[in-house]
Protein backbone atom coordinates (compact mmCIF):
# COMPACT_ATOMS: atom_id res chain seq x y z
CA UNK A 1 0.00 0.00 0.00
CA UNK A 2 2.83 2.40 0.77
CA UNK A 3 4.48 1.74 -2.57
CA UNK A 4 1.20 2.54 -4.34
CA UNK A 5 0.82 5.73 -2.31
CA UNK A 6 4.34 6.84 -3.26
CA UNK A 7 3.68 6.13 -6.95
CA UNK A 8 0.36 8.00 -6.84
CA UNK A 9 2.00 10.90 -4.95
CA UNK A 10 4.75 11.07 -7.58
CA UNK A 11 2.14 11.01 -10.36
CA UNK A 12 0.20 13.86 -8.71
CA UNK A 13 3.39 15.93 -8.29
CA UNK A 14 4.42 15.24 -11.89
CA UNK A 15 0.98 16.17 -13.25
CA UNK A 16 0.91 19.35 -11.12
CA UNK A 17 4.34 20.40 -12.43
CA UNK A 18 3.24 19.61 -15.99
CA UNK A 19 0.08 21.70 -15.49
CA UNK A 20 2.14 24.64 -14.22
CA UNK A 21 4.45 24.36 -17.24
CA UNK A 22 1.54 24.22 -19.69
CA UNK A 23 -0.11 27.26 -18.07
CA UNK A 24 3.19 29.17 -18.23
CA UNK A 25 3.61 28.33 -21.92
CA UNK A 26 0.00 29.29 -22.58
CA UNK A 27 0.45 32.69 -20.93
CA UNK A 28 3.74 33.28 -22.74
CA UNK A 29 2.18 32.42 -26.10
CA UNK A 30 -0.84 34.62 -25.39
CA UNK A 31 1.49 37.52 -24.56
CA UNK A 32 3.42 36.96 -27.80
CA UNK A 33 0.14 36.84 -29.74
CA UNK A 34 -1.01 40.08 -28.12
CA UNK A 35 2.31 41.76 -28.99
CA UNK A 36 2.08 40.50 -32.58
CA UNK A 37 -1.48 41.85 -32.87
CA UNK A 38 -0.36 45.22 -31.50
CA UNK A 39 2.54 45.29 -33.98
CA UNK A 40 0.17 44.39 -36.84
CA UNK A 41 -2.14 47.21 -35.81
CA UNK A 42 0.79 49.64 -35.65
CA UNK A 43 2.00 48.57 -39.09
CA UNK A 44 -1.49 48.91 -40.56
CA UNK A 45 -1.77 52.42 -39.13
CA UNK A 46 1.66 53.28 -40.52
CA UNK A 47 0.68 51.93 -43.95
CA UNK A 48 -2.49 54.01 -43.96
CA UNK A 49 -0.54 57.11 -42.97
CA UNK A 50 2.01 56.52 -45.71
CA UNK A 51 -0.73 56.05 -48.31
CA UNK A 52 -2.31 59.36 -47.29
CA UNK A 53 1.12 61.00 -47.43
CA UNK A 54 1.74 59.54 -50.90
CA UNK A 55 -1.59 60.86 -52.17
CA UNK A 56 -0.82 64.29 -50.72
CA UNK A 57 2.58 64.35 -52.44
CA UNK A 58 1.06 63.50 -55.80
CA UNK A 59 -1.56 66.25 -55.96
CA UNK A 60 -1.49 68.32 -59.13
CA UNK A 61 -0.94 71.56 -57.20
CA UNK A 62 2.13 70.16 -55.48
CA UNK A 63 3.53 68.80 -58.75
CA UNK A 64 2.94 72.17 -60.41
CA UNK A 65 4.62 74.01 -57.53
CA UNK A 66 7.67 71.73 -57.70
CA UNK A 67 7.84 72.12 -61.48
CA UNK A 68 7.85 75.91 -61.12
CA UNK A 69 10.35 76.04 -58.26
CA UNK A 70 12.84 73.31 -59.06
CA UNK A 71 12.58 72.98 -62.83
CA UNK A 72 11.84 76.65 -63.59
CA UNK A 73 8.86 75.67 -65.72
CA UNK A 74 6.02 78.02 -66.63
CA UNK A 75 2.39 77.47 -67.44
CA UNK A 76 1.53 77.47 -71.12
CA UNK A 77 0.06 80.60 -72.66
CA UNK A 78 -0.24 81.72 -76.27
CA UNK A 79 2.16 84.60 -75.61
CA UNK A 80 5.10 82.32 -74.84
CA UNK A 81 4.30 79.49 -77.21
CA UNK A 82 6.82 78.94 -79.96
CA UNK A 83 5.79 76.98 -83.01
CA UNK A 84 8.46 75.05 -84.88
CA UNK A 85 7.91 74.10 -88.47
CA UNK A 86 9.91 71.55 -90.35
CA UNK A 87 11.32 72.48 -93.72
CA UNK A 88 10.96 69.77 -96.28
CA UNK A 89 13.88 69.34 -98.68
CA UNK A 90 12.97 68.62 -102.28
PDB file of N, CA and C in Angstrom:
ATOM      1  N   UNK A   1       0.819  -1.185   0.000  1.00  0.00           N
ATOM      2  CA  UNK A   1       0.000   0.000   0.000  1.00  0.00           C
ATOM      3  C   UNK A   1       0.864   1.250   0.000  1.00  0.00           C
ATOM      4  N   UNK A   2       1.956   1.242   0.694  1.00  0.00           N
ATOM      5  CA  UNK A   2       2.833   2.402   0.772  1.00  0.00           C
ATOM      6  C   UNK A   2       3.480   2.663  -0.584  1.00  0.00           C
ATOM      7  N   UNK A   3       3.864   1.592  -1.253  1.00  0.00           N
ATOM      8  CA  UNK A   3       4.482   1.740  -2.573  1.00  0.00           C
ATOM      9  C   UNK A   3       3.494   2.386  -3.542  1.00  0.00           C
ATOM     10  N   UNK A   4       2.232   1.959  -3.492  1.00  0.00           N
ATOM     11  CA  UNK A   4       1.196   2.535  -4.336  1.00  0.00           C
ATOM     12  C   UNK A   4       0.980   4.002  -3.999  1.00  0.00           C
ATOM     13  N   UNK A   5       0.997   4.337  -2.735  1.00  0.00           N
ATOM     14  CA  UNK A   5       0.825   5.733  -2.306  1.00  0.00           C
ATOM     15  C   UNK A   5       1.971   6.597  -2.824  1.00  0.00           C
ATOM     16  N   UNK A   6       3.174   6.081  -2.768  1.00  0.00           N
ATOM     17  CA  UNK A   6       4.340   6.842  -3.258  1.00  0.00           C
ATOM     18  C   UNK A   6       4.233   7.042  -4.760  1.00  0.00           C
ATOM     19  N   UNK A   7       3.825   6.018  -5.493  1.00  0.00           N
ATOM     20  CA  UNK A   7       3.682   6.128  -6.945  1.00  0.00           C
ATOM     21  C   UNK A   7       2.585   7.130  -7.278  1.00  0.00           C
ATOM     22  N   UNK A   8       1.454   7.051  -6.595  1.00  0.00           N
ATOM     23  CA  UNK A   8       0.362   8.003  -6.836  1.00  0.00           C
ATOM     24  C   UNK A   8       0.782   9.425  -6.473  1.00  0.00           C
ATOM     25  N   UNK A   9       1.511   9.576  -5.354  1.00  0.00           N
ATOM     26  CA  UNK A   9       1.996  10.899  -4.947  1.00  0.00           C
ATOM     27  C   UNK A   9       2.947  11.462  -6.008  1.00  0.00           C
ATOM     28  N   UNK A  10       3.823  10.638  -6.533  1.00  0.00           N
ATOM     29  CA  UNK A  10       4.751  11.071  -7.584  1.00  0.00           C
ATOM     30  C   UNK A  10       3.980  11.449  -8.853  1.00  0.00           C
ATOM     31  N   UNK A  11       2.958  10.699  -9.183  1.00  0.00           N
ATOM     32  CA  UNK A  11       2.142  11.011 -10.361  1.00  0.00           C
ATOM     33  C   UNK A  11       1.414  12.337 -10.185  1.00  0.00           C
ATOM     34  N   UNK A  12       0.897  12.591  -8.985  1.00  0.00           N
ATOM     35  CA  UNK A  12       0.202  13.861  -8.705  1.00  0.00           C
ATOM     36  C   UNK A  12       1.187  15.018  -8.803  1.00  0.00           C
ATOM     37  N   UNK A  13       2.362  14.871  -8.236  1.00  0.00           N
ATOM     38  CA  UNK A  13       3.385  15.929  -8.294  1.00  0.00           C
ATOM     39  C   UNK A  13       3.800  16.174  -9.746  1.00  0.00           C
ATOM     40  N   UNK A  14       4.023  15.096 -10.488  1.00  0.00           N
ATOM     41  CA  UNK A  14       4.416  15.236 -11.895  1.00  0.00           C
ATOM     42  C   UNK A  14       3.331  15.941 -12.701  1.00  0.00           C
ATOM     43  N   UNK A  15       2.073  15.549 -12.492  1.00  0.00           N
ATOM     44  CA  UNK A  15       0.981  16.173 -13.246  1.00  0.00           C
ATOM     45  C   UNK A  15       0.799  17.638 -12.838  1.00  0.00           C
ATOM     46  N   UNK A  16       1.007  17.962 -11.570  1.00  0.00           N
ATOM     47  CA  UNK A  16       0.913  19.353 -11.120  1.00  0.00           C
ATOM     48  C   UNK A  16       2.007  20.195 -11.758  1.00  0.00           C
ATOM     49  N   UNK A  17       3.229  19.669 -11.810  1.00  0.00           N
ATOM     50  CA  UNK A  17       4.338  20.395 -12.433  1.00  0.00           C
ATOM     51  C   UNK A  17       4.097  20.557 -13.938  1.00  0.00           C
ATOM     52  N   UNK A  18       3.542  19.540 -14.565  1.00  0.00           N
ATOM     53  CA  UNK A  18       3.235  19.615 -15.986  1.00  0.00           C
ATOM     54  C   UNK A  18       2.152  20.673 -16.240  1.00  0.00           C
ATOM     55  N   UNK A  19       1.155  20.715 -15.370  1.00  0.00           N
ATOM     56  CA  UNK A  19       0.080  21.701 -15.493  1.00  0.00           C
ATOM     57  C   UNK A  19       0.639  23.121 -15.358  1.00  0.00           C
ATOM     58  N   UNK A  20       1.528  23.325 -14.396  1.00  0.00           N
ATOM     59  CA  UNK A  20       2.140  24.643 -14.215  1.00  0.00           C
ATOM     60  C   UNK A  20       2.918  25.021 -15.467  1.00  0.00           C
ATOM     61  N   UNK A  21       3.667  24.094 -16.024  1.00  0.00           N
ATOM     62  CA  UNK A  21       4.453  24.358 -17.240  1.00  0.00           C
ATOM     63  C   UNK A  21       3.549  24.700 -18.426  1.00  0.00           C
ATOM     64  N   UNK A  22       2.461  23.971 -18.585  1.00  0.00           N
ATOM     65  CA  UNK A  22       1.536  24.219 -19.688  1.00  0.00           C
ATOM     66  C   UNK A  22       0.869  25.592 -19.518  1.00  0.00           C
ATOM     67  N   UNK A  23       0.489  25.941 -18.300  1.00  0.00           N
ATOM     68  CA  UNK A  23      -0.108  27.263 -18.067  1.00  0.00           C
ATOM     69  C   UNK A  23       0.901  28.374 -18.355  1.00  0.00           C
ATOM     70  N   UNK A  24       2.144  28.175 -17.960  1.00  0.00           N
ATOM     71  CA  UNK A  24       3.189  29.167 -18.229  1.00  0.00           C
ATOM     72  C   UNK A  24       3.376  29.349 -19.733  1.00  0.00           C
ATOM     73  N   UNK A  25       3.461  28.248 -20.461  1.00  0.00           N
ATOM     74  CA  UNK A  25       3.613  28.332 -21.921  1.00  0.00           C
ATOM     75  C   UNK A  25       2.402  29.006 -22.562  1.00  0.00           C
ATOM     76  N   UNK A  26       1.221  28.685 -22.049  1.00  0.00           N
ATOM     77  CA  UNK A  26       0.001  29.293 -22.577  1.00  0.00           C
ATOM     78  C   UNK A  26       0.016  30.803 -22.373  1.00  0.00           C
ATOM     79  N   UNK A  27       0.385  31.252 -21.210  1.00  0.00           N
ATOM     80  CA  UNK A  27       0.454  32.693 -20.931  1.00  0.00           C
ATOM     81  C   UNK A  27       1.522  33.368 -21.779  1.00  0.00           C
ATOM     82  N   UNK A  28       2.661  32.712 -21.922  1.00  0.00           N
ATOM     83  CA  UNK A  28       3.744  33.279 -22.737  1.00  0.00           C
ATOM     84  C   UNK A  28       3.303  33.410 -24.190  1.00  0.00           C
ATOM     85  N   UNK A  29       2.657  32.374 -24.723  1.00  0.00           N
ATOM     86  CA  UNK A  29       2.183  32.422 -26.101  1.00  0.00           C
ATOM     87  C   UNK A  29       1.086  33.466 -26.287  1.00  0.00           C
ATOM     88  N   UNK A  30       0.199  33.607 -25.309  1.00  0.00           N
ATOM     89  CA  UNK A  30      -0.844  34.618 -25.393  1.00  0.00           C
ATOM     90  C   UNK A  30      -0.230  36.016 -25.402  1.00  0.00           C
ATOM     91  N   UNK A  31       0.800  36.222 -24.583  1.00  0.00           N
ATOM     92  CA  UNK A  31       1.489  37.518 -24.558  1.00  0.00           C
ATOM     93  C   UNK A  31       2.153  37.794 -25.899  1.00  0.00           C
ATOM     94  N   UNK A  32       2.805  36.791 -26.479  1.00  0.00           N
ATOM     95  CA  UNK A  32       3.422  36.961 -27.804  1.00  0.00           C
ATOM     96  C   UNK A  32       2.367  37.270 -28.865  1.00  0.00           C
ATOM     97  N   UNK A  33       1.226  36.585 -28.785  1.00  0.00           N
ATOM     98  CA  UNK A  33       0.141  36.839 -29.738  1.00  0.00           C
ATOM     99  C   UNK A  33      -0.380  38.266 -29.589  1.00  0.00           C
ATOM    100  N   UNK A  34      -0.533  38.720 -28.366  1.00  0.00           N
ATOM    101  CA  UNK A  34      -1.006  40.082 -28.116  1.00  0.00           C
ATOM    102  C   UNK A  34      -0.003  41.106 -28.653  1.00  0.00           C
ATOM    103  N   UNK A  35       1.273  40.852 -28.454  1.00  0.00           N
ATOM    104  CA  UNK A  35       2.307  41.757 -28.993  1.00  0.00           C
ATOM    105  C   UNK A  35       2.288  41.756 -30.517  1.00  0.00           C
ATOM    106  N   UNK A  36       2.125  40.589 -31.113  1.00  0.00           N
ATOM    107  CA  UNK A  36       2.075  40.498 -32.577  1.00  0.00           C
ATOM    108  C   UNK A  36       0.852  41.234 -33.120  1.00  0.00           C
ATOM    109  N   UNK A  37      -0.286  41.119 -32.445  1.00  0.00           N
ATOM    110  CA  UNK A  37      -1.478  41.850 -32.870  1.00  0.00           C
ATOM    111  C   UNK A  37      -1.274  43.355 -32.746  1.00  0.00           C
ATOM    112  N   UNK A  38      -0.637  43.788 -31.673  1.00  0.00           N
ATOM    113  CA  UNK A  38      -0.361  45.224 -31.502  1.00  0.00           C
ATOM    114  C   UNK A  38       0.581  45.713 -32.591  1.00  0.00           C
ATOM    115  N   UNK A  39       1.587  44.921 -32.921  1.00  0.00           N
ATOM    116  CA  UNK A  39       2.535  45.289 -33.985  1.00  0.00           C
ATOM    117  C   UNK A  39       1.829  45.338 -35.340  1.00  0.00           C
ATOM    118  N   UNK A  40       0.933  44.392 -35.590  1.00  0.00           N
ATOM    119  CA  UNK A  40       0.174  44.395 -36.840  1.00  0.00           C
ATOM    120  C   UNK A  40      -0.706  45.640 -36.928  1.00  0.00           C
ATOM    121  N   UNK A  41      -1.323  46.007 -35.827  1.00  0.00           N
ATOM    122  CA  UNK A  41      -2.145  47.215 -35.807  1.00  0.00           C
ATOM    123  C   UNK A  41      -1.280  48.446 -36.066  1.00  0.00           C
ATOM    124  N   UNK A  42      -0.111  48.506 -35.450  1.00  0.00           N
ATOM    125  CA  UNK A  42       0.794  49.642 -35.649  1.00  0.00           C
ATOM    126  C   UNK A  42       1.239  49.731 -37.109  1.00  0.00           C
ATOM    127  N   UNK A  43       1.567  48.586 -37.691  1.00  0.00           N
ATOM    128  CA  UNK A  43       2.001  48.571 -39.086  1.00  0.00           C
ATOM    129  C   UNK A  43       0.864  48.960 -40.032  1.00  0.00           C
ATOM    130  N   UNK A  44      -0.348  48.535 -39.738  1.00  0.00           N
ATOM    131  CA  UNK A  44      -1.492  48.913 -40.563  1.00  0.00           C
ATOM    132  C   UNK A  44      -1.742  50.418 -40.490  1.00  0.00           C
ATOM    133  N   UNK A  45      -1.619  50.971 -39.297  1.00  0.00           N
ATOM    134  CA  UNK A  45      -1.768  52.420 -39.128  1.00  0.00           C
ATOM    135  C   UNK A  45      -0.681  53.160 -39.887  1.00  0.00           C
ATOM    136  N   UNK A  46       0.537  52.668 -39.795  1.00  0.00           N
ATOM    137  CA  UNK A  46       1.662  53.280 -40.520  1.00  0.00           C
ATOM    138  C   UNK A  46       1.442  53.218 -42.030  1.00  0.00           C
ATOM    139  N   UNK A  47       0.947  52.075 -42.520  1.00  0.00           N
ATOM    140  CA  UNK A  47       0.683  51.932 -43.951  1.00  0.00           C
ATOM    141  C   UNK A  47      -0.387  52.916 -44.406  1.00  0.00           C
ATOM    142  N   UNK A  48      -1.437  53.055 -43.623  1.00  0.00           N
ATOM    143  CA  UNK A  48      -2.492  54.007 -43.965  1.00  0.00           C
ATOM    144  C   UNK A  48      -1.953  55.427 -43.988  1.00  0.00           C
ATOM    145  N   UNK A  49      -1.127  55.767 -43.019  1.00  0.00           N
ATOM    146  CA  UNK A  49      -0.543  57.109 -42.966  1.00  0.00           C
ATOM    147  C   UNK A  49       0.342  57.359 -44.178  1.00  0.00           C
ATOM    148  N   UNK A  50       1.130  56.370 -44.557  1.00  0.00           N
ATOM    149  CA  UNK A  50       2.009  56.521 -45.715  1.00  0.00           C
ATOM    150  C   UNK A  50       1.212  56.644 -47.012  1.00  0.00           C
ATOM    151  N   UNK A  51       0.105  55.930 -47.117  1.00  0.00           N
ATOM    152  CA  UNK A  51      -0.730  56.051 -48.314  1.00  0.00           C
ATOM    153  C   UNK A  51      -1.321  57.454 -48.420  1.00  0.00           C
ATOM    154  N   UNK A  52      -1.773  57.999 -47.296  1.00  0.00           N
ATOM    155  CA  UNK A  52      -2.306  59.365 -47.293  1.00  0.00           C
ATOM    156  C   UNK A  52      -1.202  60.347 -47.666  1.00  0.00           C
ATOM    157  N   UNK A  53      -0.023  60.134 -47.119  1.00  0.00           N
ATOM    158  CA  UNK A  53       1.121  61.000 -47.433  1.00  0.00           C
ATOM    159  C   UNK A  53       1.469  60.923 -48.919  1.00  0.00           C
ATOM    160  N   UNK A  54       1.431  59.721 -49.476  1.00  0.00           N
ATOM    161  CA  UNK A  54       1.741  59.536 -50.896  1.00  0.00           C
ATOM    162  C   UNK A  54       0.723  60.257 -51.764  1.00  0.00           C
ATOM    163  N   UNK A  55      -0.550  60.150 -51.401  1.00  0.00           N
ATOM    164  CA  UNK A  55      -1.587  60.857 -52.167  1.00  0.00           C
ATOM    165  C   UNK A  55      -1.410  62.368 -52.062  1.00  0.00           C
ATOM    166  N   UNK A  56      -1.016  62.851 -50.889  1.00  0.00           N
ATOM    167  CA  UNK A  56      -0.817  64.287 -50.715  1.00  0.00           C
ATOM    168  C   UNK A  56       0.368  64.774 -51.539  1.00  0.00           C
ATOM    169  N   UNK A  57       1.406  63.962 -51.655  1.00  0.00           N
ATOM    170  CA  UNK A  57       2.583  64.352 -52.439  1.00  0.00           C
ATOM    171  C   UNK A  57       2.293  64.372 -53.932  1.00  0.00           C
ATOM    172  N   UNK A  58       1.320  63.627 -54.379  1.00  0.00           N
ATOM    173  CA  UNK A  58       1.059  63.497 -55.804  1.00  0.00           C
ATOM    174  C   UNK A  58      -0.057  64.412 -56.306  1.00  0.00           C
ATOM    175  N   UNK A  59      -0.509  65.349 -55.499  1.00  0.00           N
ATOM    176  CA  UNK A  59      -1.565  66.247 -55.962  1.00  0.00           C
ATOM    177  C   UNK A  59      -1.034  67.131 -57.083  1.00  0.00           C
ATOM    178  N   UNK A  60      -1.917  67.540 -57.966  1.00  0.00           N
ATOM    179  CA  UNK A  60      -1.493  68.324 -59.126  1.00  0.00           C
ATOM    180  C   UNK A  60      -0.930  69.685 -58.713  1.00  0.00           C
ATOM    181  N   UNK A  61      -1.469  70.275 -57.649  1.00  0.00           N
ATOM    182  CA  UNK A  61      -0.940  71.561 -57.197  1.00  0.00           C
ATOM    183  C   UNK A  61       0.498  71.432 -56.696  1.00  0.00           C
ATOM    184  N   UNK A  62       0.770  70.364 -55.991  1.00  0.00           N
ATOM    185  CA  UNK A  62       2.132  70.156 -55.479  1.00  0.00           C
ATOM    186  C   UNK A  62       3.092  69.896 -56.626  1.00  0.00           C
ATOM    187  N   UNK A  63       2.674  69.081 -57.597  1.00  0.00           N
ATOM    188  CA  UNK A  63       3.527  68.797 -58.751  1.00  0.00           C
ATOM    189  C   UNK A  63       3.796  70.088 -59.524  1.00  0.00           C
ATOM    190  N   UNK A  64       2.763  70.908 -59.696  1.00  0.00           N
ATOM    191  CA  UNK A  64       2.941  72.173 -60.410  1.00  0.00           C
ATOM    192  C   UNK A  64       3.887  73.103 -59.656  1.00  0.00           C
ATOM    193  N   UNK A  65       3.745  73.158 -58.353  1.00  0.00           N
ATOM    194  CA  UNK A  65       4.618  74.009 -57.527  1.00  0.00           C
ATOM    195  C   UNK A  65       6.074  73.555 -57.648  1.00  0.00           C
ATOM    196  N   UNK A  66       6.310  72.249 -57.566  1.00  0.00           N
ATOM    197  CA  UNK A  66       7.672  71.731 -57.695  1.00  0.00           C
ATOM    198  C   UNK A  66       8.233  71.985 -59.089  1.00  0.00           C
ATOM    199  N   UNK A  67       7.391  71.866 -60.110  1.00  0.00           N
ATOM    200  CA  UNK A  67       7.844  72.116 -61.476  1.00  0.00           C
ATOM    201  C   UNK A  67       8.257  73.576 -61.632  1.00  0.00           C
ATOM    202  N   UNK A  68       7.511  74.488 -61.035  1.00  0.00           N
ATOM    203  CA  UNK A  68       7.855  75.907 -61.119  1.00  0.00           C
ATOM    204  C   UNK A  68       9.120  76.220 -60.342  1.00  0.00           C
ATOM    205  N   UNK A  69       9.229  75.699 -59.129  1.00  0.00           N
ATOM    206  CA  UNK A  69      10.351  76.044 -58.257  1.00  0.00           C
ATOM    207  C   UNK A  69      11.648  75.343 -58.655  1.00  0.00           C
ATOM    208  N   UNK A  70      11.597  74.060 -58.845  1.00  0.00           N
ATOM    209  CA  UNK A  70      12.838  73.305 -59.057  1.00  0.00           C
ATOM    210  C   UNK A  70      13.243  73.208 -60.524  1.00  0.00           C
ATOM    211  N   UNK A  71      12.265  73.154 -61.414  1.00  0.00           N
ATOM    212  CA  UNK A  71      12.583  72.982 -62.826  1.00  0.00           C
ATOM    213  C   UNK A  71      12.436  74.274 -63.629  1.00  0.00           C
ATOM    214  N   UNK A  72      12.035  75.351 -62.952  1.00  0.00           N
ATOM    215  CA  UNK A  72      11.837  76.651 -63.591  1.00  0.00           C
ATOM    216  C   UNK A  72      10.892  76.560 -64.782  1.00  0.00           C
ATOM    217  N   UNK A  73       9.836  75.804 -64.650  1.00  0.00           N
ATOM    218  CA  UNK A  73       8.855  75.666 -65.722  1.00  0.00           C
ATOM    219  C   UNK A  73       7.775  76.734 -65.550  1.00  0.00           C
ATOM    220  N   UNK A  74       7.100  77.047 -66.657  1.00  0.00           N
ATOM    221  CA  UNK A  74       6.016  78.024 -66.630  1.00  0.00           C
ATOM    222  C   UNK A  74       4.766  77.373 -67.189  1.00  0.00           C
ATOM    223  N   UNK A  75       3.633  77.967 -66.856  1.00  0.00           N
ATOM    224  CA  UNK A  75       2.391  77.469 -67.437  1.00  0.00           C
ATOM    225  C   UNK A  75       2.307  77.926 -68.889  1.00  0.00           C
ATOM    226  N   UNK A  76       1.615  77.189 -69.693  1.00  0.00           N
ATOM    227  CA  UNK A  76       1.529  77.465 -71.121  1.00  0.00           C
ATOM    228  C   UNK A  76       0.542  78.601 -71.366  1.00  0.00           C
ATOM    229  N   UNK A  77       0.963  79.530 -72.211  1.00  0.00           N
ATOM    230  CA  UNK A  77       0.059  80.597 -72.660  1.00  0.00           C
ATOM    231  C   UNK A  77       0.405  80.897 -74.111  1.00  0.00           C
ATOM    232  N   UNK A  78      -0.526  81.427 -74.860  1.00  0.00           N
ATOM    233  CA  UNK A  78      -0.243  81.718 -76.272  1.00  0.00           C
ATOM    234  C   UNK A  78       0.891  82.731 -76.453  1.00  0.00           C
ATOM    235  N   UNK A  79       1.126  83.579 -75.476  1.00  0.00           N
ATOM    236  CA  UNK A  79       2.161  84.598 -75.609  1.00  0.00           C
ATOM    237  C   UNK A  79       3.570  84.003 -75.601  1.00  0.00           C
ATOM    238  N   UNK A  80       3.756  82.893 -74.921  1.00  0.00           N
ATOM    239  CA  UNK A  80       5.102  82.322 -74.844  1.00  0.00           C
ATOM    240  C   UNK A  80       5.249  81.049 -75.658  1.00  0.00           C
ATOM    241  N   UNK A  81       4.251  80.701 -76.410  1.00  0.00           N
ATOM    242  CA  UNK A  81       4.295  79.490 -77.211  1.00  0.00           C
ATOM    243  C   UNK A  81       5.107  79.737 -78.478  1.00  0.00           C
ATOM    244  N   UNK A  82       6.030  78.855 -78.740  1.00  0.00           N
ATOM    245  CA  UNK A  82       6.823  78.941 -79.963  1.00  0.00           C
ATOM    246  C   UNK A  82       6.458  77.755 -80.833  1.00  0.00           C
ATOM    247  N   UNK A  83       6.157  78.040 -82.081  1.00  0.00           N
ATOM    248  CA  UNK A  83       5.791  76.985 -83.013  1.00  0.00           C
ATOM    249  C   UNK A  83       6.994  76.699 -83.897  1.00  0.00           C
ATOM    250  N   UNK A  84       7.328  75.470 -84.049  1.00  0.00           N
ATOM    251  CA  UNK A  84       8.457  75.054 -84.878  1.00  0.00           C
ATOM    252  C   UNK A  84       7.900  74.343 -86.096  1.00  0.00           C
ATOM    253  N   UNK A  85       8.363  74.768 -87.249  1.00  0.00           N
ATOM    254  CA  UNK A  85       7.915  74.098 -88.468  1.00  0.00           C
ATOM    255  C   UNK A  85       9.109  73.404 -89.094  1.00  0.00           C
ATOM    256  N   UNK A  86       8.851  72.304 -89.700  1.00  0.00           N
ATOM    257  CA  UNK A  86       9.911  71.545 -90.349  1.00  0.00           C
ATOM    258  C   UNK A  86       9.969  71.942 -91.815  1.00  0.00           C
ATOM    259  N   UNK A  87      11.157  72.162 -92.305  1.00  0.00           N
ATOM    260  CA  UNK A  87      11.324  72.484 -93.725  1.00  0.00           C
ATOM    261  C   UNK A  87      11.588  71.207 -94.464  1.00  0.00           C
ATOM    262  N   UNK A  88      10.830  70.992 -95.495  1.00  0.00           N
ATOM    263  CA  UNK A  88      10.962  69.772 -96.279  1.00  0.00           C
ATOM    264  C   UNK A  88      11.909  70.050 -97.436  1.00  0.00           C
ATOM    265  N   UNK A  89      12.923  69.209 -97.586  1.00  0.00           N
ATOM    266  CA  UNK A  89      13.875  69.338 -98.676  1.00  0.00           C
ATOM    267  C   UNK A  89      13.316  68.617 -99.897  1.00  0.00           C
ATOM    268  N   UNK A  90      13.453  69.257-101.069  1.00  0.00           N
ATOM    269  CA  UNK A  90      12.967  68.620-102.280  1.00  0.00           C
ATOM    270  C   UNK A  90      14.058  68.461-103.250  1.00  0.00           C
TER     271      UNK A  90
END
